Amino acid sequence: SAYADQITEIVISDGIHDIGQMAFYELPNLTE
C-alpha cells in the first residue's frame, strides 16, 4: 500500500496457481 503509486508493472512468479482476492486492488499507475 505504501508503494501503490509507484507500481507500474507486476510480474507474478512461476508456480503461482491463482491471484488472490483484491491482491492488486486500485494500483493507479499499474500498466502491465
PDB file of all heavy atoms in Angstrom:
ATOM      1  N   SER A   1       0.814  -1.227   0.000  1.00  0.00           N
ATOM      2  CA  SER A   1       0.000   0.000   0.000  1.00  0.00           C
ATOM      3  C   SER A   1       0.843   1.270   0.000  1.00  0.00           C
ATOM      4  O   SER A   1       0.522   2.233  -0.685  1.00  0.00           O
ATOM      5  CB  SER A   1      -0.955   0.020   1.194  1.00  0.00           C
ATOM      6  OG  SER A   1      -1.935  -0.969   1.042  1.00  0.00           O
ATOM      7  N   ALA A   2       1.919   1.271   0.746  1.00  0.00           N
ATOM      8  CA  ALA A   2       2.766   2.470   0.825  1.00  0.00           C
ATOM      9  C   ALA A   2       3.427   2.798  -0.512  1.00  0.00           C
ATOM     10  O   ALA A   2       3.832   3.932  -0.747  1.00  0.00           O
ATOM     11  CB  ALA A   2       3.842   2.281   1.894  1.00  0.00           C
ATOM     12  N   TYR A   3       3.512   1.804  -1.412  1.00  0.00           N
ATOM     13  CA  TYR A   3       4.166   1.986  -2.708  1.00  0.00           C
ATOM     14  C   TYR A   3       3.179   1.965  -3.873  1.00  0.00           C
ATOM     15  O   TYR A   3       3.598   1.947  -5.023  1.00  0.00           O
ATOM     16  CB  TYR A   3       5.197   0.875  -2.930  1.00  0.00           C
ATOM     17  CG  TYR A   3       6.153   0.732  -1.778  1.00  0.00           C
ATOM     18  CD1 TYR A   3       5.981  -0.282  -0.838  1.00  0.00           C
ATOM     19  CD2 TYR A   3       7.209   1.618  -1.614  1.00  0.00           C
ATOM     20  CE1 TYR A   3       6.849  -0.408   0.240  1.00  0.00           C
ATOM     21  CE2 TYR A   3       8.079   1.492  -0.543  1.00  0.00           C
ATOM     22  CZ  TYR A   3       7.888   0.488   0.377  1.00  0.00           C
ATOM     23  OH  TYR A   3       8.737   0.368   1.434  1.00  0.00           O
ATOM     24  N   ALA A   4       1.896   1.978  -3.589  1.00  0.00           N
ATOM     25  CA  ALA A   4       0.866   1.802  -4.622  1.00  0.00           C
ATOM     26  C   ALA A   4       1.048   2.750  -5.807  1.00  0.00           C
ATOM     27  O   ALA A   4       0.901   2.342  -6.956  1.00  0.00           O
ATOM     28  CB  ALA A   4      -0.522   1.961  -4.016  1.00  0.00           C
ATOM     29  N   ASP A   5       1.390   3.990  -5.553  1.00  0.00           N
ATOM     30  CA  ASP A   5       1.551   4.974  -6.636  1.00  0.00           C
ATOM     31  C   ASP A   5       2.787   4.716  -7.489  1.00  0.00           C
ATOM     32  O   ASP A   5       2.883   5.203  -8.612  1.00  0.00           O
ATOM     33  CB  ASP A   5       1.630   6.388  -6.067  1.00  0.00           C
ATOM     34  CG  ASP A   5       0.315   6.851  -5.491  1.00  0.00           C
ATOM     35  OD1 ASP A   5      -0.726   6.220  -5.770  1.00  0.00           O
ATOM     36  OD2 ASP A   5       0.320   7.859  -4.751  1.00  0.00           O
ATOM     37  N   GLN A   6       3.741   3.946  -6.995  1.00  0.00           N
ATOM     38  CA  GLN A   6       4.989   3.693  -7.711  1.00  0.00           C
ATOM     39  C   GLN A   6       4.962   2.425  -8.551  1.00  0.00           C
ATOM     40  O   GLN A   6       5.843   2.217  -9.385  1.00  0.00           O
ATOM     41  CB  GLN A   6       6.137   3.598  -6.710  1.00  0.00           C
ATOM     42  CG  GLN A   6       6.344   4.864  -5.916  1.00  0.00           C
ATOM     43  CD  GLN A   6       7.332   4.648  -4.779  1.00  0.00           C
ATOM     44  OE1 GLN A   6       8.269   3.871  -4.904  1.00  0.00           O
ATOM     45  NE2 GLN A   6       7.121   5.332  -3.684  1.00  0.00           N
ATOM     46  N   ILE A   7       3.967   1.575  -8.346  1.00  0.00           N
ATOM     47  CA  ILE A   7       3.917   0.291  -9.043  1.00  0.00           C
ATOM     48  C   ILE A   7       3.366   0.474 -10.454  1.00  0.00           C
ATOM     49  O   ILE A   7       2.238   0.934 -10.624  1.00  0.00           O
ATOM     50  CB  ILE A   7       3.063  -0.724  -8.253  1.00  0.00           C
ATOM     51  CG1 ILE A   7       3.713  -0.983  -6.893  1.00  0.00           C
ATOM     52  CG2 ILE A   7       2.901  -2.019  -9.045  1.00  0.00           C
ATOM     53  CD1 ILE A   7       2.875  -1.809  -5.948  1.00  0.00           C
ATOM     54  N   THR A   8       4.169   0.124 -11.467  1.00  0.00           N
ATOM     55  CA  THR A   8       3.752   0.246 -12.859  1.00  0.00           C
ATOM     56  C   THR A   8       3.650  -1.109 -13.559  1.00  0.00           C
ATOM     57  O   THR A   8       2.979  -1.229 -14.573  1.00  0.00           O
ATOM     58  CB  THR A   8       4.733   1.134 -13.656  1.00  0.00           C
ATOM     59  OG1 THR A   8       6.036   0.557 -13.589  1.00  0.00           O
ATOM     60  CG2 THR A   8       4.743   2.559 -13.096  1.00  0.00           C
ATOM     61  N   GLU A   9       4.342  -2.110 -13.027  1.00  0.00           N
ATOM     62  CA  GLU A   9       4.324  -3.448 -13.623  1.00  0.00           C
ATOM     63  C   GLU A   9       4.363  -4.484 -12.515  1.00  0.00           C
ATOM     64  O   GLU A   9       5.057  -4.302 -11.509  1.00  0.00           O
ATOM     65  CB  GLU A   9       5.539  -3.634 -14.543  1.00  0.00           C
ATOM     66  CG  GLU A   9       5.610  -5.001 -15.178  1.00  0.00           C
ATOM     67  CD  GLU A   9       6.857  -5.200 -16.023  1.00  0.00           C
ATOM     68  OE1 GLU A   9       7.888  -4.535 -15.758  1.00  0.00           O
ATOM     69  OE2 GLU A   9       6.806  -6.013 -16.947  1.00  0.00           O
ATOM     70  N   ILE A  10       3.613  -5.568 -12.718  1.00  0.00           N
ATOM     71  CA  ILE A  10       3.632  -6.692 -11.784  1.00  0.00           C
ATOM     72  C   ILE A  10       4.021  -7.932 -12.569  1.00  0.00           C
ATOM     73  O   ILE A  10       3.433  -8.216 -13.610  1.00  0.00           O
ATOM     74  CB  ILE A  10       2.245  -6.897 -11.135  1.00  0.00           C
ATOM     75  CG1 ILE A  10       1.911  -5.701 -10.245  1.00  0.00           C
ATOM     76  CG2 ILE A  10       2.208  -8.200 -10.344  1.00  0.00           C
ATOM     77  CD1 ILE A  10       0.501  -5.704  -9.735  1.00  0.00           C
ATOM     78  N   VAL A  11       5.017  -8.655 -12.067  1.00  0.00           N
ATOM     79  CA  VAL A  11       5.435  -9.920 -12.656  1.00  0.00           C
ATOM     80  C   VAL A  11       5.224 -10.984 -11.589  1.00  0.00           C
ATOM     81  O   VAL A  11       5.868 -10.957 -10.541  1.00  0.00           O
ATOM     82  CB  VAL A  11       6.907  -9.881 -13.102  1.00  0.00           C
ATOM     83  CG1 VAL A  11       7.320 -11.229 -13.681  1.00  0.00           C
ATOM     84  CG2 VAL A  11       7.126  -8.764 -14.117  1.00  0.00           C
ATOM     85  N   ILE A  12       4.289 -11.898 -11.858  1.00  0.00           N
ATOM     86  CA  ILE A  12       3.958 -12.963 -10.913  1.00  0.00           C
ATOM     87  C   ILE A  12       4.917 -14.134 -11.135  1.00  0.00           C
ATOM     88  O   ILE A  12       5.148 -14.555 -12.261  1.00  0.00           O
ATOM     89  CB  ILE A  12       2.504 -13.443 -11.108  1.00  0.00           C
ATOM     90  CG1 ILE A  12       1.525 -12.269 -11.072  1.00  0.00           C
ATOM     91  CG2 ILE A  12       2.144 -14.525 -10.105  1.00  0.00           C
ATOM     92  CD1 ILE A  12       1.390 -11.583  -9.759  1.00  0.00           C
ATOM     93  N   SER A  13       5.459 -14.663 -10.050  1.00  0.00           N
ATOM     94  CA  SER A  13       6.418 -15.764 -10.115  1.00  0.00           C
ATOM     95  C   SER A  13       5.785 -17.047 -10.637  1.00  0.00           C
ATOM     96  O   SER A  13       4.614 -17.327 -10.368  1.00  0.00           O
ATOM     97  CB  SER A  13       7.000 -16.043  -8.729  1.00  0.00           C
ATOM     98  OG  SER A  13       7.695 -14.926  -8.260  1.00  0.00           O
ATOM     99  N   ASP A  14       6.587 -17.839 -11.338  1.00  0.00           N
ATOM    100  CA  ASP A  14       6.144 -19.137 -11.814  1.00  0.00           C
ATOM    101  C   ASP A  14       5.786 -20.008 -10.615  1.00  0.00           C
ATOM    102  O   ASP A  14       6.423 -19.930  -9.571  1.00  0.00           O
ATOM    103  CB  ASP A  14       7.239 -19.798 -12.647  1.00  0.00           C
ATOM    104  CG  ASP A  14       6.727 -21.008 -13.401  1.00  0.00           C
ATOM    105  OD1 ASP A  14       5.563 -20.974 -13.847  1.00  0.00           O
ATOM    106  OD2 ASP A  14       7.482 -21.978 -13.541  1.00  0.00           O
ATOM    107  N   GLY A  15       4.762 -20.814 -10.768  1.00  0.00           N
ATOM    108  CA  GLY A  15       4.311 -21.690  -9.696  1.00  0.00           C
ATOM    109  C   GLY A  15       3.076 -21.175  -8.978  1.00  0.00           C
ATOM    110  O   GLY A  15       2.426 -21.921  -8.256  1.00  0.00           O
ATOM    111  N   ILE A  16       2.745 -19.898  -9.160  1.00  0.00           N
ATOM    112  CA  ILE A  16       1.542 -19.339  -8.536  1.00  0.00           C
ATOM    113  C   ILE A  16       0.326 -19.839  -9.315  1.00  0.00           C
ATOM    114  O   ILE A  16       0.243 -19.671 -10.529  1.00  0.00           O
ATOM    115  CB  ILE A  16       1.573 -17.796  -8.519  1.00  0.00           C
ATOM    116  CG1 ILE A  16       2.749 -17.292  -7.691  1.00  0.00           C
ATOM    117  CG2 ILE A  16       0.246 -17.226  -8.026  1.00  0.00           C
ATOM    118  CD1 ILE A  16       2.686 -17.599  -6.220  1.00  0.00           C
ATOM    119  N   HIS A  17      -0.614 -20.444  -8.618  1.00  0.00           N
ATOM    120  CA  HIS A  17      -1.811 -21.038  -9.222  1.00  0.00           C
ATOM    121  C   HIS A  17      -2.916 -19.998  -9.415  1.00  0.00           C
ATOM    122  O   HIS A  17      -3.544 -19.935 -10.448  1.00  0.00           O
ATOM    123  CB  HIS A  17      -2.310 -22.182  -8.341  1.00  0.00           C
ATOM    124  CG  HIS A  17      -3.536 -22.850  -8.849  1.00  0.00           C
ATOM    125  ND1 HIS A  17      -4.802 -22.472  -8.454  1.00  0.00           N
ATOM    126  CD2 HIS A  17      -3.699 -23.852  -9.727  1.00  0.00           C
ATOM    127  CE1 HIS A  17      -5.689 -23.236  -9.065  1.00  0.00           C
ATOM    128  NE2 HIS A  17      -5.050 -24.079  -9.850  1.00  0.00           N
ATOM    129  N   ASP A  18      -3.190 -19.206  -8.391  1.00  0.00           N
ATOM    130  CA  ASP A  18      -4.208 -18.182  -8.571  1.00  0.00           C
ATOM    131  C   ASP A  18      -3.838 -16.879  -7.880  1.00  0.00           C
ATOM    132  O   ASP A  18      -3.054 -16.849  -6.961  1.00  0.00           O
ATOM    133  CB  ASP A  18      -5.607 -18.679  -8.161  1.00  0.00           C
ATOM    134  CG  ASP A  18      -5.787 -18.884  -6.684  1.00  0.00           C
ATOM    135  OD1 ASP A  18      -5.916 -17.887  -5.958  1.00  0.00           O
ATOM    136  OD2 ASP A  18      -5.803 -20.039  -6.252  1.00  0.00           O
ATOM    137  N   ILE A  19      -4.421 -15.807  -8.412  1.00  0.00           N
ATOM    138  CA  ILE A  19      -4.185 -14.454  -7.914  1.00  0.00           C
ATOM    139  C   ILE A  19      -5.280 -14.165  -6.899  1.00  0.00           C
ATOM    140  O   ILE A  19      -6.461 -14.221  -7.224  1.00  0.00           O
ATOM    141  CB  ILE A  19      -4.240 -13.422  -9.063  1.00  0.00           C
ATOM    142  CG1 ILE A  19      -3.375 -13.848 -10.248  1.00  0.00           C
ATOM    143  CG2 ILE A  19      -3.874 -12.032  -8.560  1.00  0.00           C
ATOM    144  CD1 ILE A  19      -1.944 -14.126  -9.951  1.00  0.00           C
ATOM    145  N   GLY A  20      -4.919 -13.863  -5.692  1.00  0.00           N
ATOM    146  CA  GLY A  20      -5.863 -13.698  -4.591  1.00  0.00           C
ATOM    147  C   GLY A  20      -6.820 -12.536  -4.756  1.00  0.00           C
ATOM    148  O   GLY A  20      -6.569 -11.563  -5.462  1.00  0.00           O
ATOM    149  N   GLN A  21      -7.928 -12.667  -4.031  1.00  0.00           N
ATOM    150  CA  GLN A  21      -8.961 -11.636  -3.998  1.00  0.00           C
ATOM    151  C   GLN A  21      -8.361 -10.304  -3.549  1.00  0.00           C
ATOM    152  O   GLN A  21      -7.638 -10.247  -2.554  1.00  0.00           O
ATOM    153  CB  GLN A  21     -10.045 -12.066  -3.015  1.00  0.00           C
ATOM    154  CG  GLN A  21     -11.109 -11.024  -2.790  1.00  0.00           C
ATOM    155  CD  GLN A  21     -12.206 -11.567  -1.904  1.00  0.00           C
ATOM    156  OE1 GLN A  21     -12.878 -12.517  -2.282  1.00  0.00           O
ATOM    157  NE2 GLN A  21     -12.371 -10.976  -0.738  1.00  0.00           N
ATOM    158  N   MET A  22      -8.625  -9.251  -4.310  1.00  0.00           N
ATOM    159  CA  MET A  22      -8.190  -7.878  -4.038  1.00  0.00           C
ATOM    160  C   MET A  22      -6.669  -7.725  -3.937  1.00  0.00           C
ATOM    161  O   MET A  22      -6.175  -6.741  -3.399  1.00  0.00           O
ATOM    162  CB  MET A  22      -8.851  -7.336  -2.766  1.00  0.00           C
ATOM    163  CG  MET A  22     -10.351  -7.263  -2.855  1.00  0.00           C
ATOM    164  SD  MET A  22     -11.072  -6.672  -1.320  1.00  0.00           S
ATOM    165  CE  MET A  22     -12.195  -5.445  -1.983  1.00  0.00           C
ATOM    166  N   ALA A  23      -5.904  -8.674  -4.457  1.00  0.00           N
ATOM    167  CA  ALA A  23      -4.446  -8.677  -4.306  1.00  0.00           C
ATOM    168  C   ALA A  23      -3.783  -7.406  -4.837  1.00  0.00           C
ATOM    169  O   ALA A  23      -2.821  -6.918  -4.248  1.00  0.00           O
ATOM    170  CB  ALA A  23      -3.843  -9.903  -4.977  1.00  0.00           C
ATOM    171  N   PHE A  24      -4.276  -6.884  -5.950  1.00  0.00           N
ATOM    172  CA  PHE A  24      -3.659  -5.700  -6.560  1.00  0.00           C
ATOM    173  C   PHE A  24      -4.711  -4.617  -6.791  1.00  0.00           C
ATOM    174  O   PHE A  24      -4.704  -3.910  -7.791  1.00  0.00           O
ATOM    175  CB  PHE A  24      -2.952  -6.094  -7.855  1.00  0.00           C
ATOM    176  CG  PHE A  24      -1.901  -7.135  -7.622  1.00  0.00           C
ATOM    177  CD1 PHE A  24      -2.104  -8.441  -8.018  1.00  0.00           C
ATOM    178  CD2 PHE A  24      -0.724  -6.818  -6.966  1.00  0.00           C
ATOM    179  CE1 PHE A  24      -1.149  -9.421  -7.786  1.00  0.00           C
ATOM    180  CE2 PHE A  24       0.242  -7.782  -6.721  1.00  0.00           C
ATOM    181  CZ  PHE A  24       0.026  -9.086  -7.129  1.00  0.00           C
ATOM    182  N   TYR A  25      -5.594  -4.475  -5.871  1.00  0.00           N
ATOM    183  CA  TYR A  25      -6.726  -3.562  -5.885  1.00  0.00           C
ATOM    184  C   TYR A  25      -6.259  -2.104  -5.939  1.00  0.00           C
ATOM    185  O   TYR A  25      -5.405  -1.690  -5.154  1.00  0.00           O
ATOM    186  CB  TYR A  25      -7.511  -3.816  -4.596  1.00  0.00           C
ATOM    187  CG  TYR A  25      -8.803  -3.101  -4.409  1.00  0.00           C
ATOM    188  CD1 TYR A  25      -9.990  -3.666  -4.847  1.00  0.00           C
ATOM    189  CD2 TYR A  25      -8.864  -1.893  -3.735  1.00  0.00           C
ATOM    190  CE1 TYR A  25     -11.202  -3.045  -4.630  1.00  0.00           C
ATOM    191  CE2 TYR A  25     -10.071  -1.262  -3.517  1.00  0.00           C
ATOM    192  CZ  TYR A  25     -11.236  -1.843  -3.961  1.00  0.00           C
ATOM    193  OH  TYR A  25     -12.428  -1.217  -3.735  1.00  0.00           O
ATOM    194  N   GLU A  26      -6.779  -1.365  -6.889  1.00  0.00           N
ATOM    195  CA  GLU A  26      -6.566   0.084  -7.014  1.00  0.00           C
ATOM    196  C   GLU A  26      -5.105   0.523  -7.009  1.00  0.00           C
ATOM    197  O   GLU A  26      -4.686   1.337  -6.195  1.00  0.00           O
ATOM    198  CB  GLU A  26      -7.348   0.829  -5.930  1.00  0.00           C
ATOM    199  CG  GLU A  26      -8.837   0.722  -6.124  1.00  0.00           C
ATOM    200  CD  GLU A  26      -9.664   1.553  -5.164  1.00  0.00           C
ATOM    201  OE1 GLU A  26      -9.121   2.103  -4.177  1.00  0.00           O
ATOM    202  OE2 GLU A  26     -10.876   1.662  -5.403  1.00  0.00           O
ATOM    203  N   LEU A  27      -4.340  -0.015  -7.936  1.00  0.00           N
ATOM    204  CA  LEU A  27      -2.979   0.475  -8.155  1.00  0.00           C
ATOM    205  C   LEU A  27      -3.068   1.483  -9.301  1.00  0.00           C
ATOM    206  O   LEU A  27      -3.188   1.103 -10.461  1.00  0.00           O
ATOM    207  CB  LEU A  27      -2.029  -0.680  -8.493  1.00  0.00           C
ATOM    208  CG  LEU A  27      -1.837  -1.710  -7.381  1.00  0.00           C
ATOM    209  CD1 LEU A  27      -0.934  -2.850  -7.856  1.00  0.00           C
ATOM    210  CD2 LEU A  27      -1.274  -1.068  -6.126  1.00  0.00           C
ATOM    211  N   PRO A  28      -3.025   2.770  -9.012  1.00  0.00           N
ATOM    212  CA  PRO A  28      -3.351   3.797 -10.007  1.00  0.00           C
ATOM    213  C   PRO A  28      -2.417   3.893 -11.206  1.00  0.00           C
ATOM    214  O   PRO A  28      -2.830   4.358 -12.264  1.00  0.00           O
ATOM    215  CB  PRO A  28      -3.324   5.095  -9.199  1.00  0.00           C
ATOM    216  CG  PRO A  28      -2.434   4.806  -8.044  1.00  0.00           C
ATOM    217  CD  PRO A  28      -2.643   3.349  -7.728  1.00  0.00           C
ATOM    218  N   ASN A  29      -1.162   3.468 -11.074  1.00  0.00           N
ATOM    219  CA  ASN A  29      -0.201   3.605 -12.172  1.00  0.00           C
ATOM    220  C   ASN A  29       0.221   2.280 -12.789  1.00  0.00           C
ATOM    221  O   ASN A  29       1.117   2.243 -13.629  1.00  0.00           O
ATOM    222  CB  ASN A  29       1.022   4.387 -11.693  1.00  0.00           C
ATOM    223  CG  ASN A  29       0.639   5.797 -11.311  1.00  0.00           C
ATOM    224  OD1 ASN A  29      -0.028   6.490 -12.077  1.00  0.00           O
ATOM    225  ND2 ASN A  29       1.016   6.229 -10.125  1.00  0.00           N
ATOM    226  N   LEU A  30      -0.444   1.201 -12.404  1.00  0.00           N
ATOM    227  CA  LEU A  30      -0.155  -0.110 -12.978  1.00  0.00           C
ATOM    228  C   LEU A  30      -0.560  -0.121 -14.448  1.00  0.00           C
ATOM    229  O   LEU A  30      -1.684   0.233 -14.787  1.00  0.00           O
ATOM    230  CB  LEU A  30      -0.925  -1.194 -12.217  1.00  0.00           C
ATOM    231  CG  LEU A  30      -0.736  -2.626 -12.714  1.00  0.00           C
ATOM    232  CD1 LEU A  30       0.700  -3.081 -12.498  1.00  0.00           C
ATOM    233  CD2 LEU A  30      -1.712  -3.556 -12.004  1.00  0.00           C
ATOM    234  N   THR A  31       0.371  -0.514 -15.328  1.00  0.00           N
ATOM    235  CA  THR A  31       0.070  -0.564 -16.763  1.00  0.00           C
ATOM    236  C   THR A  31       0.166  -1.969 -17.341  1.00  0.00           C
ATOM    237  O   THR A  31      -0.441  -2.261 -18.363  1.00  0.00           O
ATOM    238  CB  THR A  31       1.012   0.355 -17.575  1.00  0.00           C
ATOM    239  OG1 THR A  31       2.353  -0.052 -17.362  1.00  0.00           O
ATOM    240  CG2 THR A  31       0.810   1.812 -17.195  1.00  0.00           C
ATOM    241  N   GLU A  32       0.952  -2.857 -16.690  1.00  0.00           N
ATOM    242  CA  GLU A  32       1.151  -4.189 -17.259  1.00  0.00           C
ATOM    243  C   GLU A  32       1.266  -5.237 -16.154  1.00  0.00           C
ATOM    244  O   GLU A  32       1.882  -5.004 -15.121  1.00  0.00           O
ATOM    245  CB  GLU A  32       2.422  -4.215 -18.112  1.00  0.00           C
ATOM    246  CG  GLU A  32       2.662  -5.536 -18.793  1.00  0.00           C
ATOM    247  CD  GLU A  32       3.863  -5.516 -19.726  1.00  0.00           C
ATOM    248  OE1 GLU A  32       4.576  -4.504 -19.802  1.00  0.00           O
ATOM    249  OE2 GLU A  32       4.080  -6.539 -20.381  1.00  0.00           O
TER     250      GLU A  32
END
